[in-house]
């Protein structure tokens, strides 16, 4: 599913070839959700929006359903749905562009007679259009998805012995459910049009020391960290990358062109063993370019890049000076909780959303979409992170203070407990 969304740039399909495969995956998810509740009756069902079939199983068992969201997935005029993207832009961008063209003749005439009035009317009109498009983006996504799998939903309800005509058998069935958002208001302020059934708990965070205490860092990593100033972290999580070797080459070439003493840790966990193999292959492919760049800036012989398979964010991020990553919600939260300057290289969906949030918070340079990433653009971003470390660091520290003041886990538990109490 991730590979398709990377290709589409979101969940709005831009091609038909992957739809049959995607339907099979969704059918498997629905079967697994139904099977998980067989043979016993839980007190409550906790599920996210992609656990297809959750609302039907809860209806069958007559138990409360509580939705857990890691990204904004409810209609609101404040922001567009993070996944409502196609061809490099979100739905609101397209609607705004169309509205501006439609309004242009009338606004031009008005502006000729009264320029200031014309400016205010344009601003107000486009704001209303954007708010409407923002709100509509979530139902658009959910209803489009529902119509694509309506037969699967009907089949599930038949197997469960449920009536086919039901408010639960629609694309908007989850909007009415008790919902806990597992992200911080420091990044996403609560939209004023969300109802009382929605709780913004904050990011979930276990004790940092406990979370990483059982992990044993390899000696090579310890030696690299101890051999110089804190490095820049570069990693892309579990994101599917079409050409891992090319990406590793870009990172090595950019790192080699940095001034002497500035180094990079490249976490290759984004495609498992394939990425590790690509890192090894790329080390030879990029060696000549890296050596030439290192020689030109007087740092020949330095170990500029260390490739590692994985490391707990809670352990590694505090030991780095800045972060470059894919923008996943967990990675973003971990980095900002450490107060680290951050630059995001998004590839799809909510990664673009959190990339924009990081830039708007002032914690790092403008994001570079993965398809547009080159060694030169990455180098420029790394240089900007280094040059403006103090400014980005101050903004990141402010966000970190807000995140550390929250107890997302306690707030989420309290929210779920309220659903249980209200269901009695």
Protein backbone atom coordinates (compact mmCIF):
# COMPACT_ATOMS: atom_id res chain seq x y z
CA UNK A 1 0.00 0.00 0.00
CA UNK A 2 2.86 2.36 0.80
CA UNK A 3 4.43 1.78 -2.61
CA UNK A 4 1.19 2.84 -4.31
CA UNK A 5 0.78 5.95 -2.18
CA UNK A 6 4.37 6.94 -2.91
CA UNK A 7 3.62 6.63 -6.63
CA UNK A 8 0.29 8.48 -6.31
CA UNK A 9 1.61 11.09 -3.87
CA UNK A 10 -1.41 10.42 -1.65
CA UNK A 11 -4.47 8.18 -1.37
CA UNK A 12 -6.37 9.65 -4.31
CA UNK A 13 -5.62 7.15 -7.10
CA UNK A 14 -3.95 8.58 -10.18
CA UNK A 15 -3.87 5.26 -12.05
CA UNK A 16 -6.07 2.17 -12.28
CA UNK A 17 -3.36 -0.50 -12.42
CA UNK A 18 -2.89 -0.67 -8.68
CA UNK A 19 -6.54 -0.57 -7.66
CA UNK A 20 -7.22 -4.32 -7.95
CA UNK A 21 -4.19 -5.12 -5.80
CA UNK A 22 -5.20 -2.46 -3.27
CA UNK A 23 -8.72 -3.90 -3.02
CA UNK A 24 -7.23 -7.32 -2.18
CA UNK A 25 -5.17 -5.74 0.60
CA UNK A 26 -8.21 -3.95 2.04
CA UNK A 27 -10.26 -7.17 1.89
CA UNK A 28 -7.49 -8.93 3.85
CA UNK A 29 -7.53 -6.14 6.44
CA UNK A 30 -11.31 -6.44 6.81
CA UNK A 31 -11.07 -10.22 7.26
CA UNK A 32 -8.37 -9.83 9.90
CA UNK A 33 -10.41 -7.24 11.82
CA UNK A 34 -13.45 -9.53 11.84
CA UNK A 35 -11.35 -12.56 12.83
CA UNK A 36 -9.73 -10.68 15.73
CA UNK A 37 -13.12 -10.32 17.44
CA UNK A 38 -14.29 -13.91 16.91
CA UNK A 39 -14.90 -16.14 19.91
CA UNK A 40 -14.98 -13.44 22.56
CA UNK A 41 -16.55 -10.09 23.32
CA UNK A 42 -14.17 -7.22 24.11
CA UNK A 43 -15.17 -4.32 26.36
CA UNK A 44 -14.17 -1.83 23.66
CA UNK A 45 -12.61 -1.79 20.20
CA UNK A 46 -9.68 0.57 19.65
CA UNK A 47 -8.87 1.05 15.98
CA UNK A 48 -7.51 3.52 13.51
CA UNK A 49 -9.23 4.75 10.38
CA UNK A 50 -7.52 2.18 8.13
CA UNK A 51 -8.63 -0.86 10.15
CA UNK A 52 -11.40 -1.36 7.60
CA UNK A 53 -14.46 -3.09 9.04
CA UNK A 54 -13.96 -1.87 12.61
CA UNK A 55 -17.29 -0.02 12.76
CA UNK A 56 -19.21 -3.06 11.50
CA UNK A 57 -17.59 -5.47 13.94
CA UNK A 58 -18.33 -3.06 16.82
CA UNK A 59 -21.96 -2.87 15.69
CA UNK A 60 -22.20 -6.66 15.54
CA UNK A 61 -20.70 -7.15 19.01
CA UNK A 62 -22.60 -4.17 20.45
CA UNK A 63 -19.47 -2.75 22.03
CA UNK A 64 -18.17 0.84 21.89
CA UNK A 65 -15.71 1.80 19.16
CA UNK A 66 -12.99 4.35 19.87
CA UNK A 67 -10.92 5.73 16.99
CA UNK A 68 -7.24 6.59 17.40
CA UNK A 69 -5.78 9.01 14.84
CA UNK A 70 -2.12 9.86 14.31
CA UNK A 71 -2.93 12.51 11.69
CA UNK A 72 -5.90 14.91 11.25
CA UNK A 73 -8.53 12.66 9.61
CA UNK A 74 -11.77 14.51 10.36
CA UNK A 75 -13.54 17.19 8.31
CA UNK A 76 -12.44 20.71 9.20
CA UNK A 77 -12.31 24.08 7.46
CA UNK A 78 -8.94 24.76 9.08
CA UNK A 79 -6.72 22.40 7.05
CA UNK A 80 -7.06 20.02 4.09
CA UNK A 81 -6.87 16.31 4.68
CA UNK A 82 -3.16 15.37 4.64
CA UNK A 83 -3.79 12.47 2.26
CA UNK A 84 -6.03 14.32 -0.22
CA UNK A 85 -3.15 14.88 -2.63
CA UNK A 86 -2.54 14.03 -6.26
CA UNK A 87 0.07 15.11 -8.82
CA UNK A 88 2.09 17.03 -6.24
CA UNK A 89 -0.60 19.23 -4.65
CA UNK A 90 -3.57 18.90 -2.32
CA UNK A 91 -7.23 19.31 -3.23
CA UNK A 92 -7.45 22.82 -1.78
CA UNK A 93 -4.57 24.00 -3.99
CA UNK A 94 -6.43 22.87 -7.09
CA UNK A 95 -9.75 24.38 -5.98
CA UNK A 96 -8.13 27.70 -5.06
CA UNK A 97 -6.36 27.89 -8.42
CA UNK A 98 -9.62 27.22 -10.27
CA UNK A 99 -11.54 29.76 -8.14
CA UNK A 100 -8.93 32.44 -8.74
CA UNK A 101 -9.25 31.98 -12.49
CA UNK A 102 -13.07 32.08 -12.35
CA UNK A 103 -13.09 35.21 -10.20
CA UNK A 104 -10.36 37.00 -12.15
CA UNK A 105 -12.53 38.94 -14.67
CA UNK A 106 -14.97 40.31 -12.09
CA UNK A 107 -12.22 41.10 -9.57
CA UNK A 108 -10.18 42.84 -12.23
CA UNK A 109 -13.11 45.14 -13.01
CA UNK A 110 -13.77 45.80 -9.32
CA UNK A 111 -10.11 46.50 -8.68
CA UNK A 112 -10.04 48.99 -11.54
CA UNK A 113 -12.75 51.06 -9.82
CA UNK A 114 -11.70 50.41 -6.20
CA UNK A 115 -8.30 48.69 -5.82
CA UNK A 116 -8.43 48.26 -2.04
CA UNK A 117 -11.98 46.93 -2.12
CA UNK A 118 -11.02 44.53 -4.89
CA UNK A 119 -8.09 43.24 -2.84
CA UNK A 120 -10.26 42.67 0.24
CA UNK A 121 -13.04 40.98 -1.74
CA UNK A 122 -10.53 38.64 -3.42
CA UNK A 123 -8.91 37.77 -0.11
CA UNK A 124 -12.27 37.06 1.58
CA UNK A 125 -13.63 35.07 -1.37
CA UNK A 126 -10.56 32.85 -1.66
CA UNK A 127 -10.52 32.30 2.11
CA UNK A 128 -14.11 31.05 1.96
CA UNK A 129 -13.30 28.81 -1.00
CA UNK A 130 -10.25 27.40 0.83
CA UNK A 131 -12.27 26.71 3.98
CA UNK A 132 -14.95 24.88 1.99
CA UNK A 133 -12.34 22.88 0.06
CA UNK A 134 -10.49 22.03 3.27
CA UNK A 135 -13.65 20.70 4.89
CA UNK A 136 -14.74 18.78 1.78
CA UNK A 137 -11.35 17.11 1.28
CA UNK A 138 -11.93 14.53 4.02
CA UNK A 139 -15.41 13.37 2.88
CA UNK A 140 -14.08 13.39 -0.68
CA UNK A 141 -11.28 11.01 0.28
CA UNK A 142 -13.42 8.79 2.50
CA UNK A 143 -16.41 8.55 0.17
CA UNK A 144 -14.16 7.91 -2.84
CA UNK A 145 -12.53 5.09 -0.90
CA UNK A 146 -15.92 3.77 0.28
CA UNK A 147 -17.36 3.59 -3.23
CA UNK A 148 -14.25 1.71 -4.34
CA UNK A 149 -14.80 -0.97 -1.69
CA UNK A 150 -18.59 -0.74 -1.13
CA UNK A 151 -19.09 -4.32 -2.32
CA UNK A 152 -16.50 -5.52 0.19
CA UNK A 153 -18.25 -3.65 3.00
CA UNK A 154 -21.64 -5.08 1.97
CA UNK A 155 -20.15 -8.57 1.90
CA UNK A 156 -18.73 -8.12 5.40
CA UNK A 157 -22.06 -6.89 6.78
CA UNK A 158 -23.82 -9.88 5.23
CA UNK A 159 -21.34 -12.28 6.85
CA UNK A 160 -21.88 -10.53 10.18
CA UNK A 161 -25.67 -10.68 9.81
CA UNK A 162 -26.08 -6.89 9.82
CA UNK A 163 -28.64 -4.86 7.81
CA UNK A 164 -27.23 -3.35 4.64
CA UNK A 165 -28.96 0.01 5.14
CA UNK A 166 -27.17 1.66 8.03
CA UNK A 167 -25.47 4.94 8.85
CA UNK A 168 -22.44 2.80 9.67
CA UNK A 169 -22.27 1.63 6.06
CA UNK A 170 -21.11 4.99 4.66
CA UNK A 171 -17.82 6.77 4.11
CA UNK A 172 -18.54 9.14 7.00
CA UNK A 173 -19.34 6.46 9.59
CA UNK A 174 -16.27 7.18 11.72
CA UNK A 175 -16.84 10.93 12.09
CA UNK A 176 -19.40 10.38 14.86
CA UNK A 177 -17.26 7.99 16.90
CA UNK A 178 -15.34 8.95 20.05
CA UNK A 179 -11.90 9.86 18.72
CA UNK A 180 -8.49 10.50 20.26
CA UNK A 181 -5.89 12.34 18.17
CA UNK A 182 -2.38 11.22 19.06
CA UNK A 183 -0.62 14.38 17.93
CA UNK A 184 0.22 17.60 19.71
CA UNK A 185 -1.51 20.95 19.53
CA UNK A 186 2.00 22.39 19.34
CA UNK A 187 2.02 21.12 15.74
CA UNK A 188 -1.70 21.00 14.91
CA UNK A 189 -3.87 23.48 16.88
CA UNK A 190 -7.34 22.12 17.60
CA UNK A 191 -9.68 23.07 14.75
CA UNK A 192 -12.64 25.05 16.15
CA UNK A 193 -15.18 23.01 14.18
CA UNK A 194 -14.30 19.63 15.72
CA UNK A 195 -16.92 18.33 18.11
CA UNK A 196 -16.77 17.26 21.74
CA UNK A 197 -16.29 13.63 20.66
CA UNK A 198 -12.71 14.52 19.62
CA UNK A 199 -9.83 14.69 22.10
CA UNK A 200 -6.35 15.96 21.20
CA UNK A 201 -4.17 13.98 23.58
CA UNK A 202 -0.69 14.71 22.24
CA UNK A 203 2.04 12.34 21.09
CA UNK A 204 2.45 9.05 22.91
CA UNK A 205 5.83 8.79 24.58
CA UNK A 206 7.17 6.13 26.89
CA UNK A 207 10.04 6.86 29.26
CA UNK A 208 12.95 7.70 26.95
CA UNK A 209 15.58 6.01 29.07
CA UNK A 210 13.54 2.84 29.42
CA UNK A 211 12.72 2.77 25.72
CA UNK A 212 16.36 2.69 24.63
CA UNK A 213 18.09 1.09 27.64
CA UNK A 214 17.95 -2.44 26.21
CA UNK A 215 19.50 -1.42 22.88
CA UNK A 216 23.21 -2.02 22.49
CA UNK A 217 24.84 0.37 20.00
CA UNK A 218 27.46 -1.16 17.71
CA UNK A 219 31.04 -0.21 18.51
CA UNK A 220 31.44 1.42 15.11
CA UNK A 221 28.63 3.86 15.92
CA UNK A 222 30.08 4.70 19.33
CA UNK A 223 33.50 5.36 17.79
CA UNK A 224 32.01 7.56 15.07
CA UNK A 225 30.04 9.64 17.57
CA UNK A 226 33.10 10.03 19.76
CA UNK A 227 35.42 11.04 16.93
CA UNK A 228 34.08 14.56 16.38
CA UNK A 229 31.26 17.05 16.71
CA UNK A 230 27.64 15.83 16.75
CA UNK A 231 26.72 14.67 13.22
CA UNK A 232 23.65 15.34 11.07
CA UNK A 233 21.17 12.47 11.08
CA UNK A 234 19.72 11.43 7.70
CA UNK A 235 17.10 8.69 7.55
CA UNK A 236 13.86 7.83 5.79
CA UNK A 237 12.13 5.44 8.17
CA UNK A 238 10.18 2.61 6.53
CA UNK A 239 9.37 4.69 3.46
CA UNK A 240 9.53 2.78 0.18
CA UNK A 241 12.34 4.16 -1.99
CA UNK A 242 12.42 3.26 -5.67
CA UNK A 243 16.21 3.56 -6.02
CA UNK A 244 17.93 3.17 -2.61
CA UNK A 245 21.39 3.09 -4.15
CA UNK A 246 20.88 6.43 -5.88
CA UNK A 247 19.64 7.97 -2.64
CA UNK A 248 22.66 6.71 -0.71
CA UNK A 249 24.95 8.13 -3.42
CA UNK A 250 23.26 11.54 -3.07
CA UNK A 251 23.80 11.56 0.69
CA UNK A 252 27.45 10.56 0.37
CA UNK A 253 28.18 13.17 -2.27
CA UNK A 254 26.45 15.92 -0.31
CA UNK A 255 28.22 14.98 2.91
CA UNK A 256 31.59 14.91 1.19
CA UNK A 257 31.12 18.53 0.07
CA UNK A 258 30.43 19.79 3.60
CA UNK A 259 33.21 21.69 5.41
CA UNK A 260 35.76 19.64 7.32
CA UNK A 261 34.48 18.31 10.62
CA UNK A 262 30.83 18.08 9.61
CA UNK A 263 29.63 14.50 9.30
CA UNK A 264 26.47 12.49 8.59
CA UNK A 265 24.90 9.37 10.06
CA UNK A 266 22.79 7.68 7.39
CA UNK A 267 20.18 5.30 8.79
CA UNK A 268 19.37 2.81 6.05
CA UNK A 269 16.37 1.20 7.70
CA UNK A 270 13.96 2.55 5.12
CA UNK A 271 13.97 -0.64 3.06
CA UNK A 272 15.59 -3.21 5.29
CA UNK A 273 18.23 -5.48 3.85
CA UNK A 274 17.81 -3.99 0.39
CA UNK A 275 18.83 -0.59 1.71
CA UNK A 276 21.78 -2.04 3.60
CA UNK A 277 22.97 -3.75 0.42
CA UNK A 278 22.44 -0.53 -1.49
CA UNK A 279 24.55 1.32 1.06
CA UNK A 280 27.41 -1.09 0.54
CA UNK A 281 27.12 -0.89 -3.24
CA UNK A 282 26.79 2.88 -3.18
CA UNK A 283 29.90 3.28 -1.07
CA UNK A 284 31.91 2.11 -4.04
CA UNK A 285 29.82 3.89 -6.67
CA UNK A 286 30.12 7.24 -4.90
CA UNK A 287 33.68 6.82 -3.65
CA UNK A 288 35.35 8.72 -6.48
CA UNK A 289 32.94 11.65 -6.30
CA UNK A 290 33.11 11.74 -2.51
CA UNK A 291 36.92 11.62 -2.46
CA UNK A 292 37.13 14.42 -5.01
CA UNK A 293 34.73 16.60 -3.02
CA UNK A 294 36.55 15.87 0.23
CA UNK A 295 39.89 16.70 -1.31
CA UNK A 296 38.57 20.00 -2.65
CA UNK A 297 37.53 21.21 0.80
CA UNK A 298 40.62 19.98 2.62
CA UNK A 299 39.02 17.03 4.41
CA UNK A 300 40.49 14.10 2.49
CA UNK A 301 40.75 11.02 4.66
CA UNK A 302 37.88 11.99 6.95
CA UNK A 303 35.10 9.47 7.57
CA UNK A 304 32.22 11.69 6.51
CA UNK A 305 29.29 9.23 6.46
CA UNK A 306 28.48 6.28 8.69
CA UNK A 307 25.72 3.96 7.46
CA UNK A 308 23.77 2.15 10.17
CA UNK A 309 20.81 -0.19 9.85
CA UNK A 310 18.81 1.22 12.77
CA UNK A 311 18.98 2.94 16.15
CA UNK A 312 16.30 4.08 18.61
CA UNK A 313 15.41 7.72 18.01
CA UNK A 314 15.42 8.38 21.75
CA UNK A 315 19.03 7.19 21.93
CA UNK A 316 20.48 8.67 18.74
CA UNK A 317 18.71 11.99 18.16
CA UNK A 318 20.07 13.75 21.28
CA UNK A 319 23.59 12.92 20.02
CA UNK A 320 23.01 14.64 16.65
CA UNK A 321 23.05 18.35 15.78
CA UNK A 322 20.29 18.32 13.15
CA UNK A 323 17.90 15.91 11.48
CA UNK A 324 16.90 15.20 7.89
CA UNK A 325 14.10 12.65 7.59
CA UNK A 326 10.94 11.61 5.76
CA UNK A 327 8.44 13.38 8.02
CA UNK A 328 6.70 10.39 9.58
CA UNK A 329 4.67 11.43 12.60
CA UNK A 330 6.70 9.30 15.02
CA UNK A 331 10.06 10.47 13.72
CA UNK A 332 8.88 14.10 13.64
CA UNK A 333 7.66 13.89 17.22
CA UNK A 334 10.87 12.24 18.47
CA UNK A 335 13.08 14.81 16.76
CA UNK A 336 11.15 17.85 17.93
CA UNK A 337 10.89 16.46 21.47
CA UNK A 338 14.71 16.52 21.45
CA UNK A 339 14.65 20.13 20.22
CA UNK A 340 16.57 19.35 17.02
CA UNK A 341 16.51 21.47 13.84
CA UNK A 342 14.66 19.45 11.23
CA UNK A 343 14.43 19.33 7.44
CA UNK A 344 11.91 16.97 5.85
CA UNK A 345 12.12 15.08 2.54
CA UNK A 346 8.50 13.92 2.05
CA UNK A 347 7.24 11.40 -0.49
CA UNK A 348 3.49 11.08 0.05
CA UNK A 349 0.43 11.90 2.10
CA UNK A 350 0.88 13.09 5.66
CA UNK A 351 4.64 13.33 5.16
CA UNK A 352 4.03 16.50 3.13
CA UNK A 353 1.71 17.73 5.87
CA UNK A 354 4.29 17.36 8.64
CA UNK A 355 6.99 18.71 6.32
CA UNK A 356 5.00 21.93 5.94
CA UNK A 357 4.29 22.03 9.69
CA UNK A 358 8.02 21.80 10.51
CA UNK A 359 8.86 24.59 8.08
CA UNK A 360 6.03 26.81 9.38
CA UNK A 361 7.25 26.27 12.95
CA UNK A 362 10.64 27.61 11.85
CA UNK A 363 12.60 24.53 12.92
CA UNK A 364 14.29 24.00 9.56
CA UNK A 365 14.57 24.81 5.84
CA UNK A 366 11.79 24.34 3.33
CA UNK A 367 11.06 20.68 2.55
CA UNK A 368 12.36 19.02 -0.59
CA UNK A 369 10.00 16.40 -2.07
CA UNK A 370 11.83 13.10 -2.54
CA UNK A 371 11.34 12.99 -6.35
CA UNK A 372 13.01 16.44 -6.55
CA UNK A 373 15.97 15.58 -4.30
CA UNK A 374 19.44 15.87 -5.80
CA UNK A 375 22.89 15.86 -4.23
CA UNK A 376 23.15 19.61 -4.89
CA UNK A 377 19.79 20.43 -3.26
CA UNK A 378 20.56 18.16 -0.31
CA UNK A 379 23.94 19.84 0.13
CA UNK A 380 22.31 23.28 0.10
CA UNK A 381 19.81 22.13 2.75
CA UNK A 382 22.56 20.66 4.95
CA UNK A 383 24.57 23.87 4.61
CA UNK A 384 21.49 25.89 5.59
CA UNK A 385 20.92 23.68 8.63
CA UNK A 386 24.51 24.29 9.72
CA UNK A 387 24.54 28.02 8.94
CA UNK A 388 21.25 28.74 10.72
CA UNK A 389 21.67 26.21 13.52
CA UNK A 390 21.06 28.81 16.23
CA UNK A 391 17.81 30.14 14.74
CA UNK A 392 16.39 26.71 13.92
CA UNK A 393 17.56 25.37 17.27
CA UNK A 394 15.78 28.13 19.20
CA UNK A 395 12.50 27.40 17.40
CA UNK A 396 12.90 23.66 17.93
CA UNK A 397 13.66 24.16 21.63
CA UNK A 398 10.43 26.13 22.03
CA UNK A 399 8.44 23.30 20.43
CA UNK A 400 10.31 20.76 22.58
CA UNK A 401 9.28 22.59 25.76
CA UNK A 402 5.61 22.33 24.72
CA UNK A 403 5.90 18.65 23.82
CA UNK A 404 7.64 17.77 27.08
CA UNK A 405 4.90 19.51 29.05
CA UNK A 406 2.28 17.15 27.59
CA UNK A 407 1.41 13.67 28.80
CA UNK A 408 -0.15 12.22 25.69
CA UNK A 409 -0.34 8.71 27.09
CA UNK A 410 -2.29 9.77 30.20
CA UNK A 411 -4.63 11.97 28.13
CA UNK A 412 -5.28 9.13 25.67
CA UNK A 413 -6.02 6.65 28.46
CA UNK A 414 -8.43 9.13 30.07
CA UNK A 415 -10.18 9.65 26.73
CA UNK A 416 -10.66 5.91 26.19
CA UNK A 417 -11.86 5.52 29.78
CA UNK A 418 -14.55 8.17 29.17
CA UNK A 419 -15.83 6.16 26.21
CA UNK A 420 -16.10 3.07 28.40
CA UNK A 421 -17.96 4.98 31.12
CA UNK A 422 -20.33 6.64 28.65
CA UNK A 423 -21.14 3.28 27.05
CA UNK A 424 -22.49 1.82 30.30
